[in-house]
PDB file of N, CA and C in Angstrom:
ATOM      1  N   MET A   1     -10.736   1.491  -9.394  1.00  0.00           N
ATOM      2  CA  MET A   1      -9.433   2.001  -8.994  1.00  0.00           C
ATOM      3  C   MET A   1      -9.624   3.444  -8.544  1.00  0.00           C
ATOM      4  N   GLU A   2      -9.079   3.751  -7.390  1.00  0.00           N
ATOM      5  CA  GLU A   2      -9.288   5.064  -6.803  1.00  0.00           C
ATOM      6  C   GLU A   2      -7.983   5.569  -6.208  1.00  0.00           C
ATOM      7  N   GLN A   3      -7.856   6.886  -6.116  1.00  0.00           N
ATOM      8  CA  GLN A   3      -6.703   7.491  -5.460  1.00  0.00           C
ATOM      9  C   GLN A   3      -7.189   8.630  -4.574  1.00  0.00           C
ATOM     10  N   ARG A   4      -6.663   8.694  -3.372  1.00  0.00           N
ATOM     11  CA  ARG A   4      -6.995   9.763  -2.425  1.00  0.00           C
ATOM     12  C   ARG A   4      -5.708  10.395  -1.914  1.00  0.00           C
ATOM     13  N   GLU A   5      -5.831  11.661  -1.502  1.00  0.00           N
ATOM     14  CA  GLU A   5      -4.705  12.364  -0.880  1.00  0.00           C
ATOM     15  C   GLU A   5      -5.148  12.859   0.486  1.00  0.00           C
ATOM     16  N   HIS A   6      -4.219  12.839   1.437  1.00  0.00           N
ATOM     17  CA  HIS A   6      -4.503  13.277   2.802  1.00  0.00           C
ATOM     18  C   HIS A   6      -3.319  14.071   3.339  1.00  0.00           C
ATOM     19  N   THR A   7      -3.589  14.942   4.282  1.00  0.00           N
ATOM     20  CA  THR A   7      -2.538  15.632   5.030  1.00  0.00           C
ATOM     21  C   THR A   7      -2.880  15.533   6.506  1.00  0.00           C
ATOM     22  N   VAL A   8      -1.911  15.112   7.300  1.00  0.00           N
ATOM     23  CA  VAL A   8      -2.082  15.073   8.750  1.00  0.00           C
ATOM     24  C   VAL A   8      -1.066  16.033   9.357  1.00  0.00           C
ATOM     25  N   ARG A   9      -1.378  16.555  10.524  1.00  0.00           N
ATOM     26  CA  ARG A   9      -0.506  17.516  11.202  1.00  0.00           C
ATOM     27  C   ARG A   9       0.112  16.888  12.441  1.00  0.00           C
ATOM     28  N   ALA A  10       1.400  17.111  12.615  1.00  0.00           N
ATOM     29  CA  ALA A  10       2.101  16.689  13.835  1.00  0.00           C
ATOM     30  C   ALA A  10       1.776  17.700  14.938  1.00  0.00           C
ATOM     31  N   GLY A  11       2.102  17.361  16.161  1.00  0.00           N
ATOM     32  CA  GLY A  11       1.832  18.242  17.293  1.00  0.00           C
ATOM     33  C   GLY A  11       2.465  19.616  17.160  1.00  0.00           C
ATOM     34  N   ASP A  12       3.578  19.708  16.434  1.00  0.00           N
ATOM     35  CA  ASP A  12       4.246  20.995  16.258  1.00  0.00           C
ATOM     36  C   ASP A  12       3.765  21.745  15.015  1.00  0.00           C
ATOM     37  N   GLY A  13       2.735  21.199  14.336  1.00  0.00           N
ATOM     38  CA  GLY A  13       2.157  21.877  13.183  1.00  0.00           C
ATOM     39  C   GLY A  13       2.683  21.451  11.829  1.00  0.00           C
ATOM     40  N   ARG A  14       3.769  20.668  11.808  1.00  0.00           N
ATOM     41  CA  ARG A  14       4.291  20.221  10.508  1.00  0.00           C
ATOM     42  C   ARG A  14       3.288  19.314   9.812  1.00  0.00           C
ATOM     43  N   ALA A  15       3.301  19.361   8.491  1.00  0.00           N
ATOM     44  CA  ALA A  15       2.368  18.576   7.683  1.00  0.00           C
ATOM     45  C   ALA A  15       3.047  17.341   7.106  1.00  0.00           C
ATOM     46  N   LEU A  16       2.327  16.228   7.084  1.00  0.00           N
ATOM     47  CA  LEU A  16       2.754  15.025   6.370  1.00  0.00           C
ATOM     48  C   LEU A  16       1.656  14.710   5.360  1.00  0.00           C
ATOM     49  N   HIS A  17       2.030  14.756   4.104  1.00  0.00           N
ATOM     50  CA  HIS A  17       1.082  14.500   3.021  1.00  0.00           C
ATOM     51  C   HIS A  17       1.290  13.075   2.524  1.00  0.00           C
ATOM     52  N   PHE A  18       0.174  12.333   2.345  1.00  0.00           N
ATOM     53  CA  PHE A  18       0.311  10.969   1.846  1.00  0.00           C
ATOM     54  C   PHE A  18      -0.827  10.617   0.896  1.00  0.00           C
ATOM     55  N   TYR A  19      -0.632   9.524   0.196  1.00  0.00           N
ATOM     56  CA  TYR A  19      -1.530   9.086  -0.867  1.00  0.00           C
ATOM     57  C   TYR A  19      -1.991   7.660  -0.595  1.00  0.00           C
ATOM     58  N   GLU A  20      -3.243   7.375  -0.934  1.00  0.00           N
ATOM     59  CA  GLU A  20      -3.787   6.018  -0.934  1.00  0.00           C
ATOM     60  C   GLU A  20      -4.213   5.728  -2.366  1.00  0.00           C
ATOM     61  N   ALA A  21      -3.936   4.538  -2.850  1.00  0.00           N
ATOM     62  CA  ALA A  21      -4.299   4.194  -4.219  1.00  0.00           C
ATOM     63  C   ALA A  21      -4.478   2.690  -4.349  1.00  0.00           C
ATOM     64  N   GLY A  22      -5.012   2.266  -5.486  1.00  0.00           N
ATOM     65  CA  GLY A  22      -5.235   0.846  -5.740  1.00  0.00           C
ATOM     66  C   GLY A  22      -6.586   0.422  -5.213  1.00  0.00           C
ATOM     67  N   ASP A  23      -6.648  -0.762  -4.619  1.00  0.00           N
ATOM     68  CA  ASP A  23      -7.883  -1.284  -4.019  1.00  0.00           C
ATOM     69  C   ASP A  23      -7.932  -0.794  -2.579  1.00  0.00           C
ATOM     70  N   LEU A  24      -8.743   0.219  -2.302  1.00  0.00           N
ATOM     71  CA  LEU A  24      -8.751   0.849  -0.982  1.00  0.00           C
ATOM     72  C   LEU A  24      -9.317  -0.049   0.114  1.00  0.00           C
ATOM     73  N   ASP A  25      -9.866  -1.196  -0.253  1.00  0.00           N
ATOM     74  CA  ASP A  25     -10.334  -2.160   0.737  1.00  0.00           C
ATOM     75  C   ASP A  25      -9.346  -3.304   0.946  1.00  0.00           C
ATOM     76  N   GLY A  26      -8.240  -3.304   0.217  1.00  0.00           N
ATOM     77  CA  GLY A  26      -7.282  -4.405   0.275  1.00  0.00           C
ATOM     78  C   GLY A  26      -6.251  -4.243   1.368  1.00  0.00           C
ATOM     79  N   PRO A  27      -5.410  -5.273   1.548  1.00  0.00           N
ATOM     80  CA  PRO A  27      -4.306  -5.189   2.506  1.00  0.00           C
ATOM     81  C   PRO A  27      -3.354  -4.054   2.125  1.00  0.00           C
ATOM     82  N   VAL A  28      -2.740  -3.444   3.117  1.00  0.00           N
ATOM     83  CA  VAL A  28      -1.894  -2.259   2.910  1.00  0.00           C
ATOM     84  C   VAL A  28      -0.461  -2.644   2.545  1.00  0.00           C
ATOM     85  N   VAL A  29       0.062  -1.937   1.549  1.00  0.00           N
ATOM     86  CA  VAL A  29       1.472  -2.016   1.178  1.00  0.00           C
ATOM     87  C   VAL A  29       2.007  -0.590   1.248  1.00  0.00           C
ATOM     88  N   PHE A  30       3.068  -0.363   2.042  1.00  0.00           N
ATOM     89  CA  PHE A  30       3.697   0.957   2.132  1.00  0.00           C
ATOM     90  C   PHE A  30       4.795   1.049   1.094  1.00  0.00           C
ATOM     91  N   GLU A  31       4.723   2.078   0.270  1.00  0.00           N
ATOM     92  CA  GLU A  31       5.742   2.319  -0.750  1.00  0.00           C
ATOM     93  C   GLU A  31       6.732   3.345  -0.214  1.00  0.00           C
ATOM     94  N   MET A  32       7.986   2.974  -0.135  1.00  0.00           N
ATOM     95  CA  MET A  32       9.040   3.883   0.334  1.00  0.00           C
ATOM     96  C   MET A  32       9.942   4.216  -0.856  1.00  0.00           C
ATOM     97  N   HIS A  33      10.041   5.479  -1.166  1.00  0.00           N
ATOM     98  CA  HIS A  33      10.850   5.914  -2.295  1.00  0.00           C
ATOM     99  C   HIS A  33      12.069   6.675  -1.800  1.00  0.00           C
ATOM    100  N   GLY A  34      13.010   6.860  -2.685  1.00  0.00           N
ATOM    101  CA  GLY A  34      14.235   7.566  -2.322  1.00  0.00           C
ATOM    102  C   GLY A  34      14.074   9.075  -2.367  1.00  0.00           C
ATOM    103  N   THR A  35      15.127   9.764  -1.974  1.00  0.00           N
ATOM    104  CA  THR A  35      15.158  11.214  -1.988  1.00  0.00           C
ATOM    105  C   THR A  35      15.905  11.650  -3.241  1.00  0.00           C
ATOM    106  N   PRO A  36      15.568  12.709  -3.878  1.00  0.00           N
ATOM    107  CA  PRO A  36      14.473  13.609  -3.604  1.00  0.00           C
ATOM    108  C   PRO A  36      13.201  13.090  -4.250  1.00  0.00           C
ATOM    109  N   GLY A  37      12.110  13.677  -3.894  1.00  0.00           N
ATOM    110  CA  GLY A  37      10.872  13.361  -4.574  1.00  0.00           C
ATOM    111  C   GLY A  37       9.654  13.338  -3.692  1.00  0.00           C
ATOM    112  N   CYS A  38       8.534  13.363  -4.362  1.00  0.00           N
ATOM    113  CA  CYS A  38       7.260  13.250  -3.661  1.00  0.00           C
ATOM    114  C   CYS A  38       6.783  11.809  -3.770  1.00  0.00           C
ATOM    115  N   GLY A  39       5.755  11.478  -3.039  1.00  0.00           N
ATOM    116  CA  GLY A  39       5.274  10.113  -2.991  1.00  0.00           C
ATOM    117  C   GLY A  39       4.161   9.784  -3.963  1.00  0.00           C
ATOM    118  N   LEU A  40       3.852  10.687  -4.883  1.00  0.00           N
ATOM    119  CA  LEU A  40       2.766  10.451  -5.822  1.00  0.00           C
ATOM    120  C   LEU A  40       3.052   9.176  -6.614  1.00  0.00           C
ATOM    121  N   PRO A  41       2.200   8.146  -6.448  1.00  0.00           N
ATOM    122  CA  PRO A  41       2.465   6.886  -7.142  1.00  0.00           C
ATOM    123  C   PRO A  41       2.212   7.004  -8.638  1.00  0.00           C
ATOM    124  N   ARG A  42       2.978   6.233  -9.400  1.00  0.00           N
ATOM    125  CA  ARG A  42       2.808   6.218 -10.853  1.00  0.00           C
ATOM    126  C   ARG A  42       1.541   5.455 -11.227  1.00  0.00           C
ATOM    127  N   LYS A  43       0.960   5.819 -12.349  1.00  0.00           N
ATOM    128  CA  LYS A  43      -0.275   5.184 -12.806  1.00  0.00           C
ATOM    129  C   LYS A  43      -0.098   3.673 -12.930  1.00  0.00           C
ATOM    130  N   ARG A  44       1.006   3.245 -13.484  1.00  0.00           N
ATOM    131  CA  ARG A  44       1.255   1.800 -13.656  1.00  0.00           C
ATOM    132  C   ARG A  44       1.335   1.086 -12.310  1.00  0.00           C
ATOM    133  N   THR A  45       1.937   1.724 -11.314  1.00  0.00           N
ATOM    134  CA  THR A  45       2.037   1.140  -9.978  1.00  0.00           C
ATOM    135  C   THR A  45       0.651   1.019  -9.350  1.00  0.00           C
ATOM    136  N   ILE A  46      -0.186   2.038  -9.525  1.00  0.00           N
ATOM    137  CA  ILE A  46      -1.553   2.006  -9.006  1.00  0.00           C
ATOM    138  C   ILE A  46      -2.347   0.883  -9.674  1.00  0.00           C
ATOM    139  N   GLU A  47      -2.234   0.778 -10.982  1.00  0.00           N
ATOM    140  CA  GLU A  47      -2.947  -0.273 -11.706  1.00  0.00           C
ATOM    141  C   GLU A  47      -2.507  -1.661 -11.246  1.00  0.00           C
ATOM    142  N   ASP A  48      -1.209  -1.838 -11.037  1.00  0.00           N
ATOM    143  CA  ASP A  48      -0.678  -3.126 -10.581  1.00  0.00           C
ATOM    144  C   ASP A  48      -1.203  -3.469  -9.185  1.00  0.00           C
ATOM    145  N   ALA A  49      -1.193  -2.491  -8.285  1.00  0.00           N
ATOM    146  CA  ALA A  49      -1.710  -2.714  -6.931  1.00  0.00           C
ATOM    147  C   ALA A  49      -3.195  -3.078  -6.987  1.00  0.00           C
ATOM    148  N   PHE A  50      -3.954  -2.362  -7.794  1.00  0.00           N
ATOM    149  CA  PHE A  50      -5.389  -2.621  -7.906  1.00  0.00           C
ATOM    150  C   PHE A  50      -5.652  -4.028  -8.437  1.00  0.00           C
ATOM    151  N   SER A  51      -4.906  -4.433  -9.453  1.00  0.00           N
ATOM    152  CA  SER A  51      -5.119  -5.754 -10.054  1.00  0.00           C
ATOM    153  C   SER A  51      -4.814  -6.882  -9.068  1.00  0.00           C
ATOM    154  N   LYS A  52      -3.983  -6.592  -8.070  1.00  0.00           N
ATOM    155  CA  LYS A  52      -3.630  -7.596  -7.057  1.00  0.00           C
ATOM    156  C   LYS A  52      -4.442  -7.436  -5.774  1.00  0.00           C
ATOM    157  N   GLY A  53      -5.387  -6.485  -5.770  1.00  0.00           N
ATOM    158  CA  GLY A  53      -6.229  -6.276  -4.596  1.00  0.00           C
ATOM    159  C   GLY A  53      -5.509  -5.613  -3.441  1.00  0.00           C
ATOM    160  N   LEU A  54      -4.489  -4.786  -3.738  1.00  0.00           N
ATOM    161  CA  LEU A  54      -3.676  -4.154  -2.695  1.00  0.00           C
ATOM    162  C   LEU A  54      -3.974  -2.670  -2.558  1.00  0.00           C
ATOM    163  N   ARG A  55      -3.901  -2.185  -1.350  1.00  0.00           N
ATOM    164  CA  ARG A  55      -4.044  -0.751  -1.039  1.00  0.00           C
ATOM    165  C   ARG A  55      -2.639  -0.189  -0.878  1.00  0.00           C
ATOM    166  N   LEU A  56      -2.269   0.720  -1.721  1.00  0.00           N
ATOM    167  CA  LEU A  56      -0.931   1.302  -1.741  1.00  0.00           C
ATOM    168  C   LEU A  56      -0.932   2.625  -0.988  1.00  0.00           C
ATOM    169  N   ILE A  57       0.003   2.792  -0.056  1.00  0.00           N
ATOM    170  CA  ILE A  57       0.161   4.055   0.670  1.00  0.00           C
ATOM    171  C   ILE A  57       1.589   4.539   0.484  1.00  0.00           C
ATOM    172  N   SER A  58       1.725   5.799   0.081  1.00  0.00           N
ATOM    173  CA  SER A  58       3.039   6.421  -0.081  1.00  0.00           C
ATOM    174  C   SER A  58       2.955   7.848   0.458  1.00  0.00           C
ATOM    175  N   HIS A  59       4.099   8.465   0.702  1.00  0.00           N
ATOM    176  CA  HIS A  59       4.099   9.795   1.320  1.00  0.00           C
ATOM    177  C   HIS A  59       5.116  10.710   0.658  1.00  0.00           C
ATOM    178  N   ASP A  60       4.868  12.014   0.814  1.00  0.00           N
ATOM    179  CA  ASP A  60       5.854  13.014   0.389  1.00  0.00           C
ATOM    180  C   ASP A  60       6.899  13.123   1.493  1.00  0.00           C
ATOM    181  N   ARG A  61       8.152  13.020   1.135  1.00  0.00           N
ATOM    182  CA  ARG A  61       9.218  13.152   2.130  1.00  0.00           C
ATOM    183  C   ARG A  61       9.236  14.578   2.686  1.00  0.00           C
ATOM    184  N   PRO A  62       9.793  14.765   3.888  1.00  0.00           N
ATOM    185  CA  PRO A  62       9.829  16.103   4.496  1.00  0.00           C
ATOM    186  C   PRO A  62      10.476  17.130   3.562  1.00  0.00           C
ATOM    187  N   GLY A  63       9.772  18.241   3.375  1.00  0.00           N
ATOM    188  CA  GLY A  63      10.290  19.322   2.555  1.00  0.00           C
ATOM    189  C   GLY A  63       9.981  19.198   1.071  1.00  0.00           C
ATOM    190  N   TYR A  64       9.316  18.117   0.659  1.00  0.00           N
ATOM    191  CA  TYR A  64       8.976  17.920  -0.740  1.00  0.00           C
ATOM    192  C   TYR A  64       7.468  17.957  -0.911  1.00  0.00           C
ATOM    193  N   ALA A  65       7.041  18.486  -2.058  1.00  0.00           N
ATOM    194  CA  ALA A  65       5.608  18.559  -2.417  1.00  0.00           C
ATOM    195  C   ALA A  65       4.828  19.173  -1.254  1.00  0.00           C
ATOM    196  N   ALA A  66       3.842  18.475  -0.705  1.00  0.00           N
ATOM    197  CA  ALA A  66       2.945  19.060   0.293  1.00  0.00           C
ATOM    198  C   ALA A  66       3.333  18.756   1.743  1.00  0.00           C
ATOM    199  N   SER A  67       4.459  18.060   1.976  1.00  0.00           N
ATOM    200  CA  SER A  67       4.917  17.797   3.345  1.00  0.00           C
ATOM    201  C   SER A  67       5.843  18.917   3.802  1.00  0.00           C
ATOM    202  N   GLY A  68       5.682  19.314   5.066  1.00  0.00           N
ATOM    203  CA  GLY A  68       6.564  20.340   5.620  1.00  0.00           C
ATOM    204  C   GLY A  68       7.950  19.801   5.926  1.00  0.00           C
ATOM    205  N   ARG A  69       8.865  20.699   6.185  1.00  0.00           N
ATOM    206  CA  ARG A  69      10.249  20.295   6.501  1.00  0.00           C
ATOM    207  C   ARG A  69      10.351  19.570   7.807  1.00  0.00           C
TER     208      ARG A  69
END
């Protein structure tokens, strides 16, 4: 079970921070959470994704945690 964090930049310089967790070789599941909050997945969610062979991707919403406004 592994977790990675990434930041990508838009053409105007804004940052989008996102997380990969679970089975990083598995099919992708995008986790969409409500506002407010960051996209850091919970340990139990990561464990569940890993046990099912899924790669979980979630993101920090604009203006929260490491994502720009």
